[in-house]
C-alpha atoms as a PDB file:
ATOM      1  CA  MET A   1      -2.488  15.134   5.862  1.00  0.00           C
ATOM      2  CA  ARG A   2      -0.273  13.136   8.306  1.00  0.00           C
ATOM      3  CA  LYS A   3       1.774   9.805   6.928  1.00  0.00           C
ATOM      4  CA  PHE A   4      -0.560   7.711   9.332  1.00  0.00           C
ATOM      5  CA  THR A   5      -3.330   8.936   7.234  1.00  0.00           C
ATOM      6  CA  THR A   6      -1.274   9.303   4.034  1.00  0.00           C
ATOM      7  CA  VAL A   7      -1.008   5.384   4.494  1.00  0.00           C
ATOM      8  CA  SER A   8      -4.316   4.741   6.058  1.00  0.00           C
ATOM      9  CA  GLN A   9      -6.344   6.277   2.919  1.00  0.00           C
ATOM     10  CA  PHE A  10      -4.130   4.248   0.430  1.00  0.00           C
ATOM     11  CA  ILE A  11      -4.664   1.163   2.414  1.00  0.00           C
ATOM     12  CA  GLN A  12      -8.512   1.862   1.793  1.00  0.00           C
ATOM     13  CA  GLU A  13      -7.830   2.483  -1.214  1.00  0.00           C
ATOM     14  CA  CYS A  14      -6.662  -0.765  -2.277  1.00  0.00           C
ATOM     15  CA  SER A  15      -9.214  -2.466   0.456  1.00  0.00           C
ATOM     16  CA  TYR A  16     -11.762  -1.169  -1.844  1.00  0.00           C
ATOM     17  CA  LEU A  17     -10.656  -2.224  -5.248  1.00  0.00           C
ATOM     18  CA  VAL A  18     -10.230  -6.320  -3.822  1.00  0.00           C
ATOM     19  CA  ASP A  19     -13.928  -5.722  -2.872  1.00  0.00           C
ATOM     20  CA  HIS A  20     -14.798  -5.357  -6.115  1.00  0.00           C
ATOM     21  CA  GLY A  21     -12.984  -8.019  -7.446  1.00  0.00           C
ATOM     22  CA  ALA A  22      -9.941  -6.281  -9.140  1.00  0.00           C
ATOM     23  CA  ALA A  23      -6.503  -8.183  -9.248  1.00  0.00           C
ATOM     24  CA  TYR A  24      -2.784  -7.829 -10.723  1.00  0.00           C
ATOM     25  CA  SER A  25      -0.372  -9.990 -10.428  1.00  0.00           C
ATOM     26  CA  VAL A  26       2.205  -9.148  -8.224  1.00  0.00           C
ATOM     27  CA  GLU A  27       5.234  -9.172 -10.185  1.00  0.00           C
ATOM     28  CA  GLU A  28       3.045  -6.732 -12.077  1.00  0.00           C
ATOM     29  CA  VAL A  29       1.947  -3.944  -8.800  1.00  0.00           C
ATOM     30  CA  GLU A  30       6.162  -5.062  -7.470  1.00  0.00           C
ATOM     31  CA  LYS A  31       7.217  -3.575 -10.999  1.00  0.00           C
ATOM     32  CA  HIS A  32       4.861   0.175 -10.273  1.00  0.00           C
ATOM     33  CA  ILE A  33       6.814   0.320  -7.102  1.00  0.00           C
ATOM     34  CA  GLU A  34      10.033  -0.111  -8.623  1.00  0.00           C
ATOM     35  CA  GLU A  35       9.072   3.026 -11.054  1.00  0.00           C
ATOM     36  CA  LYS A  36       8.232   4.655  -8.461  1.00  0.00           C
ATOM     37  CA  ASP A  37       4.510   4.952 -10.195  1.00  0.00           C
ATOM     38  CA  LEU A  38       1.865   3.067  -8.178  1.00  0.00           C
ATOM     39  CA  ILE A  39       0.051   5.657  -7.127  1.00  0.00           C
ATOM     40  CA  ASP A  40      -0.409   7.415 -10.925  1.00  0.00           C
ATOM     41  CA  TRP A  41      -0.538   3.301 -12.447  1.00  0.00           C
ATOM     42  CA  LEU A  42      -3.800   3.432  -9.900  1.00  0.00           C
ATOM     43  CA  GLU A  43      -5.266   6.320 -10.327  1.00  0.00           C
ATOM     44  CA  GLN A  44      -4.643   5.253 -14.938  1.00  0.00           C
ATOM     45  CA  GLU A  45      -6.769   2.367 -14.447  1.00  0.00           C
ATOM     46  CA  TYR A  46      -9.229   3.761 -12.045  1.00  0.00           C
ATOM     47  CA  PRO A  47     -10.033   7.132 -13.169  1.00  0.00           C
ATOM     48  CA  PHE A  48     -11.931   9.062 -10.081  1.00  0.00           C
ATOM     49  CA  GLY A  49     -15.975   9.658 -11.869  1.00  0.00           C
ATOM     50  CA  SER A  50     -15.416   5.929 -13.132  1.00  0.00           C
ATOM     51  CA  GLU A  51     -17.501   2.595 -11.497  1.00  0.00           C
ATOM     52  CA  LEU A  52     -14.725   1.829  -9.852  1.00  0.00           C
ATOM     53  CA  GLY A  53     -12.387   5.516  -9.387  1.00  0.00           C
ATOM     54  CA  LEU A  54     -10.442   5.749  -7.018  1.00  0.00           C
ATOM     55  CA  ASP A  55      -9.613   9.899  -5.474  1.00  0.00           C
ATOM     56  CA  PHE A  56      -6.216  10.211  -4.976  1.00  0.00           C
ATOM     57  CA  SER A  57      -6.996  14.313  -4.632  1.00  0.00           C
ATOM     58  CA  LEU A  58      -5.344  14.774  -1.435  1.00  0.00           C
ATOM     59  CA  PHE A  59      -1.902  12.857  -2.086  1.00  0.00           C
ATOM     60  CA  LYS A  60       0.390  15.488  -2.704  1.00  0.00           C
ATOM     61  CA  LYS A  61       3.465  15.048  -4.370  1.00  0.00           C
ATOM     62  CA  GLN A  62       4.972  14.588  -0.766  1.00  0.00           C
ATOM     63  CA  HIS A  63       2.649  12.244   0.232  1.00  0.00           C
ATOM     64  CA  ARG A  64       3.407  10.571  -3.343  1.00  0.00           C
ATOM     65  CA  ASP A  65       6.932  10.568  -2.868  1.00  0.00           C
ATOM     66  CA  TYR A  66       6.688   8.777   0.609  1.00  0.00           C
ATOM     67  CA  LEU A  67       4.756   5.725  -0.118  1.00  0.00           C
ATOM     68  CA  HIS A  68       6.243   4.956  -2.592  1.00  0.00           C
ATOM     69  CA  GLU A  69       9.448   5.302  -0.599  1.00  0.00           C
ATOM     70  CA  GLN A  70       8.448   3.243   2.094  1.00  0.00           C
ATOM     71  CA  TYR A  71       6.789   0.441  -0.637  1.00  0.00           C
ATOM     72  CA  ASP A  72      10.461   0.245  -2.321  1.00  0.00           C
ATOM     73  CA  SER A  73      12.003  -0.270   0.644  1.00  0.00           C
ATOM     74  CA  ILE A  74       9.946  -3.317   1.641  1.00  0.00           C
ATOM     75  CA  LEU A  75       9.968  -4.604  -1.718  1.00  0.00           C
ATOM     76  CA  GLY A  76      14.171  -4.082  -1.484  1.00  0.00           C
ATOM     77  CA  GLY A  77      13.745  -6.274   1.771  1.00  0.00           C
ATOM     78  CA  TYR A  78      11.041  -8.687   0.574  1.00  0.00           C
ATOM     79  CA  GLN A  79      10.773  -9.165  -2.988  1.00  0.00           C
ATOM     80  CA  GLY A  80      10.738 -12.924  -3.681  1.00  0.00           C
ATOM     81  CA  ASP A  81       9.607 -13.596  -0.292  1.00  0.00           C
ATOM     82  CA  GLU A  82       6.229 -12.099  -0.281  1.00  0.00           C
ATOM     83  CA  ARG A  83       4.348 -15.937  -0.025  1.00  0.00           C
ATOM     84  CA  ARG A  84       6.365 -17.021   3.024  1.00  0.00           C
ATOM     85  CA  LYS A  85       6.611 -13.895   4.927  1.00  0.00           C
ATOM     86  CA  TRP A  86       3.156 -13.146   4.713  1.00  0.00           C
ATOM     87  CA  GLY A  87       1.081 -15.734   2.436  1.00  0.00           C
ATOM     88  CA  ILE A  88       0.605 -13.629  -0.942  1.00  0.00           C
ATOM     89  CA  GLU A  89       0.781 -15.326  -4.110  1.00  0.00           C
ATOM     90  CA  ASN A  90      -2.388 -14.280  -6.273  1.00  0.00           C
ATOM     91  CA  ASN A  91      -3.134 -10.531  -6.036  1.00  0.00           C
ATOM     92  CA  GLY A  92      -0.431  -7.490  -5.789  1.00  0.00           C
ATOM     93  CA  LEU A  93      -2.908  -5.278  -4.763  1.00  0.00           C
ATOM     94  CA  THR A  94      -3.563  -7.559  -1.182  1.00  0.00           C
ATOM     95  CA  LEU A  95       0.133  -7.372  -1.088  1.00  0.00           C
ATOM     96  CA  LEU A  96      -0.147  -3.656  -1.096  1.00  0.00           C
ATOM     97  CA  ILE A  97      -2.724  -3.815   1.800  1.00  0.00           C
ATOM     98  CA  SER A  98       0.189  -6.044   3.928  1.00  0.00           C
ATOM     99  CA  TRP A  99       2.960  -3.983   3.048  1.00  0.00           C
ATOM    100  CA  GLY A 100       0.891  -1.205   3.778  1.00  0.00           C
ATOM    101  CA  THR A 101      -0.085  -2.427   7.432  1.00  0.00           C
ATOM    102  CA  GLU A 102       3.920  -2.975   8.147  1.00  0.00           C
ATOM    103  CA  ILE A 103       4.288   0.808   7.284  1.00  0.00           C
ATOM    104  CA  LEU A 104       2.247   1.615  10.005  1.00  0.00           C
ATOM    105  CA  ARG A 105       3.284  -0.685  12.032  1.00  0.00           C
ATOM    106  CA  ASP A 106       7.389   0.988  11.691  1.00  0.00           C
ATOM    107  CA  LEU A 107       5.451   4.274  11.568  1.00  0.00           C
ATOM    108  CA  TYR A 108       3.582   4.018  14.986  1.00  0.00           C
ATOM    109  CA  GLY A 109       6.802   1.553  16.591  1.00  0.00           C
ATOM    110  CA  ARG A 110       6.480  -2.444  16.299  1.00  0.00           C
ATOM    111  CA  ASN A 111       7.508  -2.494  20.542  1.00  0.00           C
ATOM    112  CA  ASN A 112       5.246   0.813  21.007  1.00  0.00           C
ATOM    113  CA  MET A 113       2.687  -0.451  23.647  1.00  0.00           C
ATOM    114  CA  SER A 114       2.280   2.479  25.647  1.00  0.00           C
ATOM    115  CA  ASP A 115      -0.456   2.631  25.395  1.00  0.00           C
ATOM    116  CA  TRP A 116      -1.599  -1.163  26.558  1.00  0.00           C
ATOM    117  CA  VAL A 117      -0.913  -2.076  30.521  1.00  0.00           C
ATOM    118  CA  GLU A 118      -0.118  -5.391  31.603  1.00  0.00           C
ATOM    119  CA  GLU A 119      -2.007  -6.687  34.414  1.00  0.00           C
END
C-alpha cells in the first residue's frame, strides 16, 4: 500500500467514526499518538465486525509505523496550538482528519502545483 493510500484510508476511517457520532478529547487522541498505539487503540474501541467496526487489516507494521511517525511529528511541533492553527478543540478525531490532510500535503508537496497551469 502506498503512503498516500495509507493516510487517505486512515482519514476515511476517522471520518466514518465522526459521522457516526464518535468523539474523544484532543488530549486522549494525543496520548495515543505519543504512545504510538493510535491504530491499535482504535481497533480495540471499534473491532472489525462490530456495529461501528473499523477494518485496518491492510495496515501492516510499516504502514502503522509510518502513520505514528507522521502524527507524532505534527504533535511535536504543534501540541497546544490545535485551536489556534486548526480551530479544533472538541473532538480529537477531527484533529486526526486535519493532521492527516497536513500529512498528505507534505507527502504530495505543498508547492507542487505542476498539474495546475496559470492562465
